[in-house]
Amino acid sequence: MPFNRREFIVGMGAAAFGASALSLLPAAAFAQTKVDMAELLKPGPLGDQVLGPENAPNTIVEYASLTCTHCKHFHDTTWPELKQKYIDTGKVRFILRDFPLDPLASAGFMLAHAAPNDKFYPMVDLLFDQQQNWAFVDNPVPALFNIAKQVGFTQETFELALKNQALLDAVNAIKDRGAKDFGVDATPTFFINGVKQPGALTLEEIEKLLV
């Protein structure tokens, strides 16, 4: 594709995405707070990407950035066992929400939402698994396309997704609501049964808040 990392970032509107140093702080640096679950569970403009049954006894909402190394650490270390032990068995309903810290993360979320055949989570998994191949390189677009092809994108649908201003606006709206209404200021940030927990949590830390 005919543009490099700098052009891509400028084109995506880098000024609209302030990467926060707060993403580097451990969970212990933040006071534990609880939010209104009814408000938290109101879906945003793109709906919610839900895993697990609606009547699960526990609900976990994660705000993440696809370029965040702490989010990747959670994905690599905690997520597989959390999914197998709690989500797949119906004990947890899980919702991942967009909180991009930079334009590349926004692009990743746009592709995940636009993925063919509702492959949001498979696309997210690939983006985290291959984060080093696209998030920290000089020319990320070809790498993103190579990942996107694995879930069914064509060159045309890939470019259309990244040029979709309405989709970008919706991703921004999800992030802005998370920050404004629920105080999200770092990634990853979890709400476990309404209790705010920033940081790449271990399974043991999550289990303490489950019923």
N, C-alpha and C. Protein backbone atom coordinates (compact mmCIF):
# COMPACT_ATOMS: atom_id res chain seq x y z
N MET A 1 0.85 -1.19 0.00
CA MET A 1 0.00 0.00 0.00
C MET A 1 0.89 1.24 0.00
N PRO A 2 0.40 2.40 -0.51
CA PRO A 2 1.30 3.48 -0.87
C PRO A 2 1.60 4.49 0.23
N PHE A 3 1.48 4.13 1.51
CA PHE A 3 1.83 5.11 2.53
C PHE A 3 2.54 4.43 3.68
N ASN A 4 3.42 5.22 4.33
CA ASN A 4 4.24 4.67 5.40
C ASN A 4 3.60 4.94 6.76
N ARG A 5 4.32 4.59 7.82
CA ARG A 5 3.78 4.71 9.17
C ARG A 5 3.41 6.15 9.50
N ARG A 6 4.30 7.11 9.16
CA ARG A 6 4.03 8.50 9.50
C ARG A 6 2.78 9.00 8.78
N GLU A 7 2.69 8.70 7.49
CA GLU A 7 1.51 9.13 6.73
C GLU A 7 0.25 8.47 7.26
N PHE A 8 0.37 7.23 7.65
CA PHE A 8 -0.78 6.52 8.19
C PHE A 8 -1.27 7.17 9.48
N ILE A 9 -0.32 7.49 10.36
CA ILE A 9 -0.69 8.10 11.64
C ILE A 9 -1.30 9.48 11.42
N VAL A 10 -0.69 10.27 10.54
CA VAL A 10 -1.24 11.59 10.26
C VAL A 10 -2.64 11.46 9.66
N GLY A 11 -2.79 10.53 8.73
CA GLY A 11 -4.07 10.34 8.09
C GLY A 11 -5.16 9.89 9.04
N MET A 12 -4.80 9.16 10.06
CA MET A 12 -5.79 8.69 11.03
C MET A 12 -6.08 9.73 12.10
N GLY A 13 -5.37 10.86 12.07
CA GLY A 13 -5.64 11.90 13.04
C GLY A 13 -4.99 11.64 14.38
N ALA A 14 -3.67 11.64 14.40
CA ALA A 14 -2.94 11.27 15.61
C ALA A 14 -3.28 12.14 16.80
N ALA A 15 -3.61 13.39 16.56
CA ALA A 15 -3.88 14.29 17.68
C ALA A 15 -5.11 13.88 18.47
N ALA A 16 -5.97 13.09 17.85
CA ALA A 16 -7.19 12.69 18.54
C ALA A 16 -6.97 11.53 19.48
N PHE A 17 -5.77 10.94 19.48
CA PHE A 17 -5.52 9.74 20.26
C PHE A 17 -4.32 9.96 21.17
N GLY A 18 -4.51 10.41 22.40
CA GLY A 18 -3.40 10.66 23.30
C GLY A 18 -2.97 9.40 24.01
N ALA A 19 -1.82 8.85 23.67
CA ALA A 19 -1.32 7.68 24.38
C ALA A 19 -0.98 8.09 25.80
N SER A 20 -1.51 7.35 26.77
CA SER A 20 -1.37 7.75 28.16
C SER A 20 -0.27 6.98 28.86
N ALA A 21 0.60 7.72 29.54
CA ALA A 21 1.63 7.06 30.35
C ALA A 21 1.01 6.30 31.50
N LEU A 22 -0.26 6.62 31.81
CA LEU A 22 -0.92 5.90 32.89
C LEU A 22 -1.05 4.42 32.58
N SER A 23 -0.97 4.05 31.31
CA SER A 23 -1.07 2.64 30.97
C SER A 23 0.09 1.83 31.54
N LEU A 24 1.14 2.52 31.96
CA LEU A 24 2.30 1.83 32.50
C LEU A 24 2.20 1.59 34.00
N LEU A 25 1.20 2.20 34.65
CA LEU A 25 1.11 2.08 36.09
C LEU A 25 0.46 0.78 36.51
N PRO A 26 0.90 0.18 37.61
CA PRO A 26 0.28 -1.06 38.09
C PRO A 26 -1.08 -0.79 38.70
N ALA A 27 -1.87 -1.85 38.84
CA ALA A 27 -3.22 -1.71 39.37
C ALA A 27 -3.22 -1.12 40.77
N ALA A 28 -2.18 -1.39 41.54
CA ALA A 28 -2.14 -0.92 42.92
C ALA A 28 -2.07 0.59 43.01
N ALA A 29 -1.74 1.27 41.90
CA ALA A 29 -1.62 2.72 41.93
C ALA A 29 -2.98 3.40 41.89
N PHE A 30 -4.05 2.67 41.70
CA PHE A 30 -5.37 3.23 41.56
C PHE A 30 -6.28 2.76 42.69
N ALA A 31 -7.16 3.66 43.14
CA ALA A 31 -8.14 3.27 44.15
C ALA A 31 -9.23 2.42 43.51
N GLN A 32 -9.70 1.44 44.25
CA GLN A 32 -10.77 0.58 43.75
C GLN A 32 -12.09 1.34 43.80
N THR A 33 -12.81 1.37 42.70
CA THR A 33 -14.09 2.04 42.63
C THR A 33 -15.11 1.11 41.99
N LYS A 34 -16.38 1.43 42.21
CA LYS A 34 -17.45 0.64 41.63
C LYS A 34 -18.36 1.55 40.82
N VAL A 35 -18.80 1.07 39.69
CA VAL A 35 -19.65 1.85 38.81
C VAL A 35 -21.04 1.23 38.75
N ASP A 36 -21.98 2.00 38.21
CA ASP A 36 -23.34 1.53 38.03
C ASP A 36 -23.38 0.49 36.91
N MET A 37 -23.73 -0.74 37.25
CA MET A 37 -23.70 -1.82 36.25
C MET A 37 -24.69 -1.58 35.12
N ALA A 38 -25.85 -1.01 35.42
CA ALA A 38 -26.84 -0.76 34.38
C ALA A 38 -26.28 0.21 33.34
N GLU A 39 -25.58 1.24 33.81
CA GLU A 39 -24.97 2.19 32.89
C GLU A 39 -23.81 1.55 32.13
N LEU A 40 -23.00 0.80 32.84
CA LEU A 40 -21.84 0.16 32.22
C LEU A 40 -22.26 -0.76 31.08
N LEU A 41 -23.37 -1.44 31.25
CA LEU A 41 -23.78 -2.45 30.28
C LEU A 41 -24.62 -1.89 29.13
N LYS A 42 -24.82 -0.58 29.10
CA LYS A 42 -25.47 0.00 27.94
C LYS A 42 -24.50 -0.04 26.76
N PRO A 43 -24.87 -0.68 25.66
CA PRO A 43 -23.94 -0.82 24.54
C PRO A 43 -23.68 0.51 23.85
N GLY A 44 -22.53 0.62 23.22
CA GLY A 44 -22.17 1.82 22.48
C GLY A 44 -22.67 1.76 21.05
N PRO A 45 -22.16 2.64 20.19
CA PRO A 45 -22.68 2.75 18.82
C PRO A 45 -22.44 1.52 17.95
N LEU A 46 -21.51 0.67 18.34
CA LEU A 46 -21.25 -0.55 17.57
C LEU A 46 -21.80 -1.79 18.26
N GLY A 47 -22.61 -1.59 19.32
CA GLY A 47 -23.07 -2.73 20.09
C GLY A 47 -21.93 -3.26 20.94
N ASP A 48 -22.16 -4.37 21.60
CA ASP A 48 -21.11 -4.98 22.41
C ASP A 48 -20.72 -6.33 21.83
N GLN A 49 -19.45 -6.63 21.94
CA GLN A 49 -18.93 -7.93 21.52
C GLN A 49 -18.89 -8.81 22.76
N VAL A 50 -19.84 -9.73 22.85
CA VAL A 50 -20.08 -10.48 24.08
C VAL A 50 -19.68 -11.94 23.91
N LEU A 51 -18.95 -12.45 24.89
CA LEU A 51 -18.69 -13.87 25.00
C LEU A 51 -19.30 -14.36 26.31
N GLY A 52 -19.89 -15.56 26.28
CA GLY A 52 -20.52 -16.08 27.48
C GLY A 52 -22.00 -15.74 27.52
N PRO A 53 -22.76 -16.46 28.34
CA PRO A 53 -24.21 -16.29 28.37
C PRO A 53 -24.65 -15.00 29.06
N GLU A 54 -25.79 -14.48 28.64
CA GLU A 54 -26.32 -13.25 29.22
C GLU A 54 -26.64 -13.42 30.70
N ASN A 55 -27.01 -14.61 31.10
CA ASN A 55 -27.40 -14.85 32.51
C ASN A 55 -26.25 -15.36 33.36
N ALA A 56 -25.02 -15.19 32.89
CA ALA A 56 -23.86 -15.62 33.68
C ALA A 56 -23.84 -14.87 35.02
N PRO A 57 -23.40 -15.50 36.10
CA PRO A 57 -23.40 -14.84 37.41
C PRO A 57 -22.37 -13.72 37.53
N ASN A 58 -21.42 -13.66 36.61
CA ASN A 58 -20.38 -12.63 36.65
C ASN A 58 -20.27 -11.95 35.28
N THR A 59 -19.96 -10.66 35.32
CA THR A 59 -19.73 -9.91 34.09
C THR A 59 -18.40 -9.18 34.19
N ILE A 60 -17.58 -9.34 33.16
CA ILE A 60 -16.31 -8.64 33.07
C ILE A 60 -16.31 -7.79 31.81
N VAL A 61 -16.06 -6.50 31.97
CA VAL A 61 -15.89 -5.59 30.85
C VAL A 61 -14.44 -5.13 30.84
N GLU A 62 -13.77 -5.31 29.72
CA GLU A 62 -12.38 -4.87 29.59
C GLU A 62 -12.27 -3.75 28.57
N TYR A 63 -11.63 -2.65 28.95
CA TYR A 63 -11.24 -1.61 28.01
C TYR A 63 -9.77 -1.82 27.70
N ALA A 64 -9.46 -1.96 26.41
CA ALA A 64 -8.10 -2.32 26.01
C ALA A 64 -7.67 -1.52 24.79
N SER A 65 -6.36 -1.47 24.60
CA SER A 65 -5.76 -0.92 23.39
C SER A 65 -4.95 -2.02 22.73
N LEU A 66 -5.13 -2.19 21.44
CA LEU A 66 -4.48 -3.30 20.74
C LEU A 66 -2.98 -3.13 20.59
N THR A 67 -2.47 -1.92 20.81
CA THR A 67 -1.03 -1.69 20.77
C THR A 67 -0.41 -1.65 22.16
N CYS A 68 -1.19 -1.90 23.18
CA CYS A 68 -0.71 -1.84 24.57
C CYS A 68 -0.03 -3.16 24.94
N THR A 69 1.22 -3.07 25.37
CA THR A 69 1.95 -4.30 25.72
C THR A 69 1.39 -4.94 27.00
N HIS A 70 0.79 -4.14 27.87
CA HIS A 70 0.18 -4.70 29.08
C HIS A 70 -1.08 -5.49 28.72
N CYS A 71 -1.83 -4.97 27.75
CA CYS A 71 -3.01 -5.70 27.26
C CYS A 71 -2.58 -7.03 26.62
N LYS A 72 -1.50 -6.97 25.87
CA LYS A 72 -0.99 -8.22 25.27
C LYS A 72 -0.56 -9.20 26.35
N HIS A 73 0.07 -8.70 27.39
CA HIS A 73 0.50 -9.59 28.47
C HIS A 73 -0.71 -10.30 29.09
N PHE A 74 -1.79 -9.55 29.32
CA PHE A 74 -3.01 -10.18 29.83
C PHE A 74 -3.53 -11.22 28.83
N HIS A 75 -3.54 -10.86 27.56
CA HIS A 75 -4.03 -11.76 26.53
C HIS A 75 -3.21 -13.05 26.49
N ASP A 76 -1.89 -12.91 26.66
CA ASP A 76 -1.01 -14.07 26.57
C ASP A 76 -1.06 -14.95 27.81
N THR A 77 -1.21 -14.34 28.99
CA THR A 77 -1.03 -15.08 30.24
C THR A 77 -2.32 -15.44 30.96
N THR A 78 -3.26 -14.50 31.01
CA THR A 78 -4.49 -14.71 31.80
C THR A 78 -5.66 -15.13 30.94
N TRP A 79 -5.77 -14.55 29.75
CA TRP A 79 -6.96 -14.74 28.93
C TRP A 79 -7.26 -16.21 28.59
N PRO A 80 -6.30 -17.02 28.17
CA PRO A 80 -6.66 -18.39 27.79
C PRO A 80 -7.33 -19.17 28.91
N GLU A 81 -6.80 -19.07 30.13
CA GLU A 81 -7.39 -19.81 31.25
C GLU A 81 -8.70 -19.20 31.70
N LEU A 82 -8.79 -17.86 31.67
CA LEU A 82 -10.06 -17.20 32.02
C LEU A 82 -11.16 -17.65 31.08
N LYS A 83 -10.86 -17.69 29.79
CA LYS A 83 -11.87 -18.11 28.81
C LYS A 83 -12.27 -19.56 29.02
N GLN A 84 -11.28 -20.43 29.17
CA GLN A 84 -11.57 -21.86 29.30
C GLN A 84 -12.31 -22.17 30.60
N LYS A 85 -11.87 -21.57 31.69
CA LYS A 85 -12.38 -21.94 33.01
C LYS A 85 -13.70 -21.25 33.36
N TYR A 86 -13.88 -20.02 32.86
CA TYR A 86 -15.04 -19.24 33.31
C TYR A 86 -15.99 -18.82 32.19
N ILE A 87 -15.46 -18.38 31.05
CA ILE A 87 -16.35 -17.91 29.98
C ILE A 87 -17.00 -19.07 29.26
N ASP A 88 -16.19 -20.04 28.85
CA ASP A 88 -16.72 -21.18 28.10
C ASP A 88 -17.64 -22.07 28.94
N THR A 89 -17.52 -21.98 30.27
CA THR A 89 -18.38 -22.78 31.16
C THR A 89 -19.62 -22.03 31.63
N GLY A 90 -19.79 -20.79 31.15
CA GLY A 90 -21.00 -20.04 31.48
C GLY A 90 -20.95 -19.29 32.79
N LYS A 91 -19.79 -19.19 33.41
CA LYS A 91 -19.69 -18.51 34.70
C LYS A 91 -19.40 -17.02 34.56
N VAL A 92 -18.94 -16.61 33.38
CA VAL A 92 -18.60 -15.21 33.15
C VAL A 92 -19.11 -14.78 31.78
N ARG A 93 -19.74 -13.62 31.76
CA ARG A 93 -20.03 -12.93 30.49
C ARG A 93 -18.93 -11.88 30.31
N PHE A 94 -18.27 -11.90 29.15
CA PHE A 94 -17.11 -11.04 28.92
C PHE A 94 -17.39 -10.10 27.75
N ILE A 95 -17.01 -8.83 27.94
CA ILE A 95 -17.18 -7.81 26.91
C ILE A 95 -15.87 -7.05 26.75
N LEU A 96 -15.34 -7.02 25.54
CA LEU A 96 -14.15 -6.23 25.24
C LEU A 96 -14.58 -4.94 24.54
N ARG A 97 -14.08 -3.81 25.06
CA ARG A 97 -14.41 -2.52 24.47
C ARG A 97 -13.16 -1.77 24.04
N ASP A 98 -13.35 -0.93 23.04
CA ASP A 98 -12.25 -0.20 22.41
C ASP A 98 -11.77 0.95 23.31
N PHE A 99 -10.46 0.99 23.54
CA PHE A 99 -9.85 2.15 24.18
C PHE A 99 -8.48 2.36 23.54
N PRO A 100 -8.48 2.70 22.25
CA PRO A 100 -7.20 2.83 21.53
C PRO A 100 -6.37 3.98 22.05
N LEU A 101 -5.09 3.73 22.26
CA LEU A 101 -4.17 4.75 22.73
C LEU A 101 -3.42 5.45 21.60
N ASP A 102 -3.64 5.01 20.38
CA ASP A 102 -2.95 5.61 19.24
C ASP A 102 -3.69 5.22 17.97
N PRO A 103 -3.35 5.85 16.85
CA PRO A 103 -4.07 5.58 15.60
C PRO A 103 -3.98 4.14 15.13
N LEU A 104 -2.86 3.49 15.36
CA LEU A 104 -2.74 2.10 14.92
C LEU A 104 -3.71 1.20 15.69
N ALA A 105 -3.86 1.45 16.98
CA ALA A 105 -4.83 0.68 17.75
C ALA A 105 -6.24 0.93 17.25
N SER A 106 -6.52 2.17 16.88
CA SER A 106 -7.84 2.49 16.30
C SER A 106 -8.06 1.71 15.02
N ALA A 107 -7.03 1.67 14.18
CA ALA A 107 -7.14 0.91 12.93
C ALA A 107 -7.39 -0.56 13.22
N GLY A 108 -6.70 -1.10 14.21
CA GLY A 108 -6.92 -2.50 14.57
C GLY A 108 -8.34 -2.76 15.00
N PHE A 109 -8.90 -1.88 15.82
CA PHE A 109 -10.28 -2.06 16.25
C PHE A 109 -11.25 -1.90 15.08
N MET A 110 -10.97 -0.97 14.19
CA MET A 110 -11.83 -0.81 13.01
C MET A 110 -11.87 -2.11 12.20
N LEU A 111 -10.71 -2.72 12.03
CA LEU A 111 -10.66 -3.97 11.29
C LEU A 111 -11.37 -5.09 12.04
N ALA A 112 -11.24 -5.11 13.36
CA ALA A 112 -11.92 -6.15 14.14
C ALA A 112 -13.43 -6.02 14.01
N HIS A 113 -13.93 -4.79 14.09
CA HIS A 113 -15.38 -4.58 13.97
C HIS A 113 -15.88 -4.88 12.56
N ALA A 114 -15.03 -4.65 11.57
CA ALA A 114 -15.43 -4.86 10.18
C ALA A 114 -15.11 -6.26 9.68
N ALA A 115 -14.55 -7.11 10.53
CA ALA A 115 -14.12 -8.44 10.10
C ALA A 115 -15.29 -9.25 9.55
N PRO A 116 -15.08 -9.95 8.45
CA PRO A 116 -16.16 -10.75 7.86
C PRO A 116 -16.67 -11.83 8.82
N ASN A 117 -17.95 -12.11 8.69
CA ASN A 117 -18.57 -13.20 9.45
C ASN A 117 -18.42 -13.03 10.97
N ASP A 118 -18.50 -11.76 11.42
CA ASP A 118 -18.48 -11.47 12.86
C ASP A 118 -17.26 -12.06 13.55
N LYS A 119 -16.11 -11.94 12.93
CA LYS A 119 -14.88 -12.50 13.50
C LYS A 119 -14.12 -11.45 14.32
N PHE A 120 -14.85 -10.73 15.16
CA PHE A 120 -14.23 -9.70 15.99
C PHE A 120 -13.16 -10.30 16.88
N TYR A 121 -13.52 -11.29 17.67
CA TYR A 121 -12.55 -11.85 18.61
C TYR A 121 -11.41 -12.61 17.93
N PRO A 122 -11.66 -13.36 16.87
CA PRO A 122 -10.51 -13.95 16.16
C PRO A 122 -9.53 -12.90 15.64
N MET A 123 -10.07 -11.76 15.17
CA MET A 123 -9.18 -10.70 14.69
C MET A 123 -8.40 -10.08 15.85
N VAL A 124 -9.08 -9.85 16.97
CA VAL A 124 -8.39 -9.32 18.15
C VAL A 124 -7.29 -10.28 18.60
N ASP A 125 -7.60 -11.56 18.62
CA ASP A 125 -6.60 -12.55 19.03
C ASP A 125 -5.37 -12.48 18.14
N LEU A 126 -5.57 -12.39 16.84
CA LEU A 126 -4.45 -12.32 15.91
C LEU A 126 -3.64 -11.04 16.11
N LEU A 127 -4.33 -9.92 16.35
CA LEU A 127 -3.63 -8.66 16.52
C LEU A 127 -2.78 -8.66 17.79
N PHE A 128 -3.28 -9.26 18.86
CA PHE A 128 -2.46 -9.38 20.06
C PHE A 128 -1.32 -10.38 19.86
N ASP A 129 -1.64 -11.52 19.26
CA ASP A 129 -0.62 -12.55 19.06
C ASP A 129 0.54 -12.03 18.22
N GLN A 130 0.24 -11.19 17.23
CA GLN A 130 1.26 -10.71 16.30
C GLN A 130 1.57 -9.22 16.51
N GLN A 131 1.33 -8.74 17.71
CA GLN A 131 1.48 -7.31 17.98
C GLN A 131 2.84 -6.76 17.54
N GLN A 132 3.89 -7.50 17.80
CA GLN A 132 5.23 -7.01 17.48
C GLN A 132 5.44 -6.86 15.99
N ASN A 133 4.62 -7.51 15.17
CA ASN A 133 4.80 -7.47 13.72
C ASN A 133 4.17 -6.25 13.07
N TRP A 134 3.22 -5.60 13.77
CA TRP A 134 2.53 -4.47 13.14
C TRP A 134 2.51 -3.20 14.01
N ALA A 135 2.54 -3.34 15.33
CA ALA A 135 2.37 -2.17 16.19
C ALA A 135 3.65 -1.36 16.36
N PHE A 136 4.79 -1.96 16.12
CA PHE A 136 6.06 -1.29 16.40
C PHE A 136 7.01 -1.37 15.21
N VAL A 137 6.44 -1.20 14.02
CA VAL A 137 7.25 -1.25 12.80
C VAL A 137 7.05 0.04 12.01
N ASP A 138 7.98 0.31 11.09
CA ASP A 138 7.93 1.56 10.33
C ASP A 138 6.78 1.58 9.33
N ASN A 139 6.43 0.43 8.80
CA ASN A 139 5.36 0.37 7.79
C ASN A 139 4.34 -0.67 8.22
N PRO A 140 3.35 -0.28 9.04
CA PRO A 140 2.45 -1.26 9.64
C PRO A 140 1.35 -1.77 8.72
N VAL A 141 1.06 -1.05 7.65
CA VAL A 141 -0.13 -1.38 6.86
C VAL A 141 -0.02 -2.75 6.18
N PRO A 142 1.09 -3.08 5.52
CA PRO A 142 1.17 -4.43 4.94
C PRO A 142 1.04 -5.53 5.99
N ALA A 143 1.62 -5.30 7.17
CA ALA A 143 1.50 -6.31 8.22
C ALA A 143 0.05 -6.45 8.68
N LEU A 144 -0.63 -5.33 8.82
CA LEU A 144 -2.05 -5.39 9.18
C LEU A 144 -2.86 -6.13 8.12
N PHE A 145 -2.55 -5.88 6.86
CA PHE A 145 -3.28 -6.57 5.80
C PHE A 145 -3.02 -8.07 5.83
N ASN A 146 -1.79 -8.46 6.09
CA ASN A 146 -1.48 -9.89 6.16
C ASN A 146 -2.26 -10.56 7.29
N ILE A 147 -2.45 -9.85 8.40
CA ILE A 147 -3.26 -10.39 9.50
C ILE A 147 -4.73 -10.43 9.09
N ALA A 148 -5.20 -9.33 8.49
CA ALA A 148 -6.61 -9.23 8.12
C ALA A 148 -7.01 -10.32 7.12
N LYS A 149 -6.10 -10.68 6.23
CA LYS A 149 -6.41 -11.74 5.26
C LYS A 149 -6.75 -13.05 5.95
N GLN A 150 -6.21 -13.26 7.14
CA GLN A 150 -6.43 -14.53 7.83
C GLN A 150 -7.87 -14.68 8.33
N VAL A 151 -8.61 -13.58 8.43
CA VAL A 151 -10.01 -13.68 8.85
C VAL A 151 -10.96 -13.39 7.69
N GLY A 152 -10.42 -13.23 6.47
CA GLY A 152 -11.28 -13.14 5.31
C GLY A 152 -11.33 -11.79 4.60
N PHE A 153 -10.52 -10.83 5.03
CA PHE A 153 -10.49 -9.55 4.31
C PHE A 153 -9.86 -9.71 2.93
N THR A 154 -10.36 -8.93 1.99
CA THR A 154 -9.69 -8.75 0.70
C THR A 154 -9.00 -7.39 0.74
N GLN A 155 -8.19 -7.11 -0.26
CA GLN A 155 -7.56 -5.78 -0.32
C GLN A 155 -8.62 -4.69 -0.31
N GLU A 156 -9.70 -4.91 -1.05
CA GLU A 156 -10.75 -3.89 -1.15
C GLU A 156 -11.46 -3.69 0.19
N THR A 157 -11.86 -4.77 0.84
CA THR A 157 -12.59 -4.61 2.10
C THR A 157 -11.69 -4.08 3.21
N PHE A 158 -10.41 -4.43 3.15
CA PHE A 158 -9.43 -3.91 4.11
C PHE A 158 -9.33 -2.40 3.98
N GLU A 159 -9.16 -1.91 2.77
CA GLU A 159 -9.02 -0.47 2.56
C GLU A 159 -10.32 0.27 2.89
N LEU A 160 -11.43 -0.33 2.55
CA LEU A 160 -12.72 0.31 2.87
C LEU A 160 -12.90 0.45 4.38
N ALA A 161 -12.51 -0.57 5.13
CA ALA A 161 -12.65 -0.51 6.59
C ALA A 161 -11.81 0.61 7.17
N LEU A 162 -10.57 0.76 6.70
CA LEU A 162 -9.68 1.77 7.25
C LEU A 162 -10.06 3.19 6.82
N LYS A 163 -10.84 3.31 5.75
CA LYS A 163 -11.28 4.63 5.28
C LYS A 163 -12.68 4.99 5.79
N ASN A 164 -13.26 4.13 6.62
CA ASN A 164 -14.64 4.32 7.07
C ASN A 164 -14.68 5.31 8.23
N GLN A 165 -15.00 6.56 7.93
CA GLN A 165 -14.99 7.60 8.96
C GLN A 165 -16.03 7.34 10.04
N ALA A 166 -17.19 6.83 9.65
CA ALA A 166 -18.24 6.53 10.64
C ALA A 166 -17.76 5.46 11.62
N LEU A 167 -17.02 4.50 11.13
CA LEU A 167 -16.49 3.45 12.00
C LEU A 167 -15.45 4.03 12.95
N LEU A 168 -14.58 4.89 12.44
CA LEU A 168 -13.59 5.54 13.30
C LEU A 168 -14.28 6.39 14.36
N ASP A 169 -15.31 7.13 13.97
CA ASP A 169 -16.05 7.95 14.93
C ASP A 169 -16.67 7.09 16.03
N ALA A 170 -17.17 5.93 15.66
CA ALA A 170 -17.79 5.03 16.64
C ALA A 170 -16.75 4.48 17.61
N VAL A 171 -15.58 4.10 17.10
CA VAL A 171 -14.50 3.63 17.97
C VAL A 171 -14.11 4.74 18.95
N ASN A 172 -14.00 5.96 18.45
CA ASN A 172 -13.68 7.09 19.33
C ASN A 172 -14.75 7.31 20.37
N ALA A 173 -16.01 7.15 19.98
CA ALA A 173 -17.11 7.36 20.92
C ALA A 173 -17.07 6.34 22.06
N ILE A 174 -16.70 5.10 21.74
CA ILE A 174 -16.58 4.07 22.78
C ILE A 174 -15.49 4.45 23.76
N LYS A 175 -14.35 4.88 23.23
CA LYS A 175 -13.25 5.30 24.10
C LYS A 175 -13.65 6.50 24.95
N ASP A 176 -14.25 7.50 24.32
CA ASP A 176 -14.60 8.73 25.03
C ASP A 176 -15.61 8.45 26.16
N ARG A 177 -16.57 7.57 25.91
CA ARG A 177 -17.54 7.23 26.95
C ARG A 177 -16.87 6.50 28.10
N GLY A 178 -15.94 5.59 27.77
CA GLY A 178 -15.22 4.89 28.82
C GLY A 178 -14.48 5.85 29.72
N ALA A 179 -13.84 6.85 29.12
CA ALA A 179 -13.08 7.82 29.91
C ALA A 179 -14.01 8.74 30.70
N LYS A 180 -15.04 9.26 30.05
CA LYS A 180 -15.92 10.26 30.66
C LYS A 180 -16.84 9.67 31.71
N ASP A 181 -17.47 8.55 31.39
CA ASP A 181 -18.50 8.01 32.28
C ASP A 181 -17.96 7.03 33.31
N PHE A 182 -16.84 6.36 33.00
CA PHE A 182 -16.37 5.31 33.90
C PHE A 182 -14.94 5.50 34.38
N GLY A 183 -14.34 6.64 34.01
CA GLY A 183 -13.02 6.96 34.54
C GLY A 183 -11.89 6.11 34.02
N VAL A 184 -12.05 5.54 32.83
CA VAL A 184 -10.96 4.73 32.26
C VAL A 184 -9.85 5.68 31.82
N ASP A 185 -8.65 5.47 32.33
CA ASP A 185 -7.52 6.32 31.97
C ASP A 185 -6.24 5.51 31.79
N ALA A 186 -6.37 4.22 31.69
CA ALA A 186 -5.22 3.34 31.50
C ALA A 186 -5.70 2.05 30.85
N THR A 187 -4.78 1.36 30.21
CA THR A 187 -5.15 0.06 29.63
C THR A 187 -4.17 -1.01 30.08
N PRO A 188 -4.72 -2.21 30.32
CA PRO A 188 -6.15 -2.53 30.31
C PRO A 188 -6.81 -2.06 31.61
N THR A 189 -8.11 -1.77 31.51
CA THR A 189 -8.93 -1.52 32.69
C THR A 189 -10.11 -2.47 32.65
N PHE A 190 -10.34 -3.16 33.76
CA PHE A 190 -11.42 -4.13 33.87
C PHE A 190 -12.49 -3.60 34.83
N PHE A 191 -13.71 -3.97 34.53
CA PHE A 191 -14.81 -3.80 35.48
C PHE A 191 -15.36 -5.19 35.75
N ILE A 192 -15.10 -5.70 36.94
CA ILE A 192 -15.50 -7.05 37.30
C ILE A 192 -16.68 -6.95 38.26
N ASN A 193 -17.85 -7.30 37.74
CA ASN A 193 -19.10 -7.09 38.48
C ASN A 193 -19.19 -5.65 38.98
N GLY A 194 -18.75 -4.74 38.12
CA GLY A 194 -18.85 -3.31 38.40
C GLY A 194 -17.66 -2.71 39.12
N VAL A 195 -16.75 -3.52 39.63
CA VAL A 195 -15.59 -3.02 40.37
C VAL A 195 -14.45 -2.73 39.39
N LYS A 196 -13.96 -1.50 39.41
CA LYS A 196 -12.90 -1.08 38.50
C LYS A 196 -11.55 -1.61 38.96
N GLN A 197 -10.84 -2.25 38.04
CA GLN A 197 -9.53 -2.83 38.33
C GLN A 197 -8.59 -2.57 37.15
N PRO A 198 -7.80 -1.51 37.18
CA PRO A 198 -6.81 -1.30 36.12
C PRO A 198 -5.63 -2.27 36.26
N GLY A 199 -5.00 -2.54 35.13
CA GLY A 199 -3.80 -3.38 35.16
C GLY A 199 -4.01 -4.73 34.51
N ALA A 200 -2.90 -5.36 34.13
CA ALA A 200 -2.95 -6.69 33.50
C ALA A 200 -3.14 -7.73 34.59
N LEU A 201 -4.36 -7.98 34.96
CA LEU A 201 -4.67 -8.82 36.11
C LEU A 201 -4.31 -10.27 35.88
N THR A 202 -3.93 -10.93 36.95
CA THR A 202 -3.78 -12.38 36.92
C THR A 202 -5.13 -13.03 37.13
N LEU A 203 -5.21 -14.31 36.85
CA LEU A 203 -6.46 -15.02 37.07
C LEU A 203 -6.82 -15.01 38.55
N GLU A 204 -5.84 -15.13 39.42
CA GLU A 204 -6.10 -15.12 40.86
C GLU A 204 -6.70 -13.79 41.30
N GLU A 205 -6.23 -12.69 40.74
CA GLU A 205 -6.77 -11.38 41.10
C GLU A 205 -8.21 -11.26 40.62
N ILE A 206 -8.51 -11.79 39.45
CA ILE A 206 -9.88 -11.75 38.94
C ILE A 206 -10.80 -12.61 39.79
N GLU A 207 -10.33 -13.77 40.15
CA GLU A 207 -11.17 -14.71 40.91
C GLU A 207 -11.64 -14.15 42.23
N LYS A 208 -10.86 -13.25 42.83
CA LYS A 208 -11.24 -12.66 44.10
C LYS A 208 -12.50 -11.81 43.99
N LEU A 209 -12.83 -11.36 42.77
CA LEU A 209 -14.00 -10.50 42.57
C LEU A 209 -15.17 -11.24 41.95
N LEU A 210 -15.02 -12.53 41.70
CA LEU A 210 -16.12 -13.31 41.13
C LEU A 210 -16.99 -13.89 42.23
N VAL A 211 -18.24 -14.15 41.86
CA VAL A 211 -19.17 -14.74 42.84
C VAL A 211 -19.30 -16.24 42.57
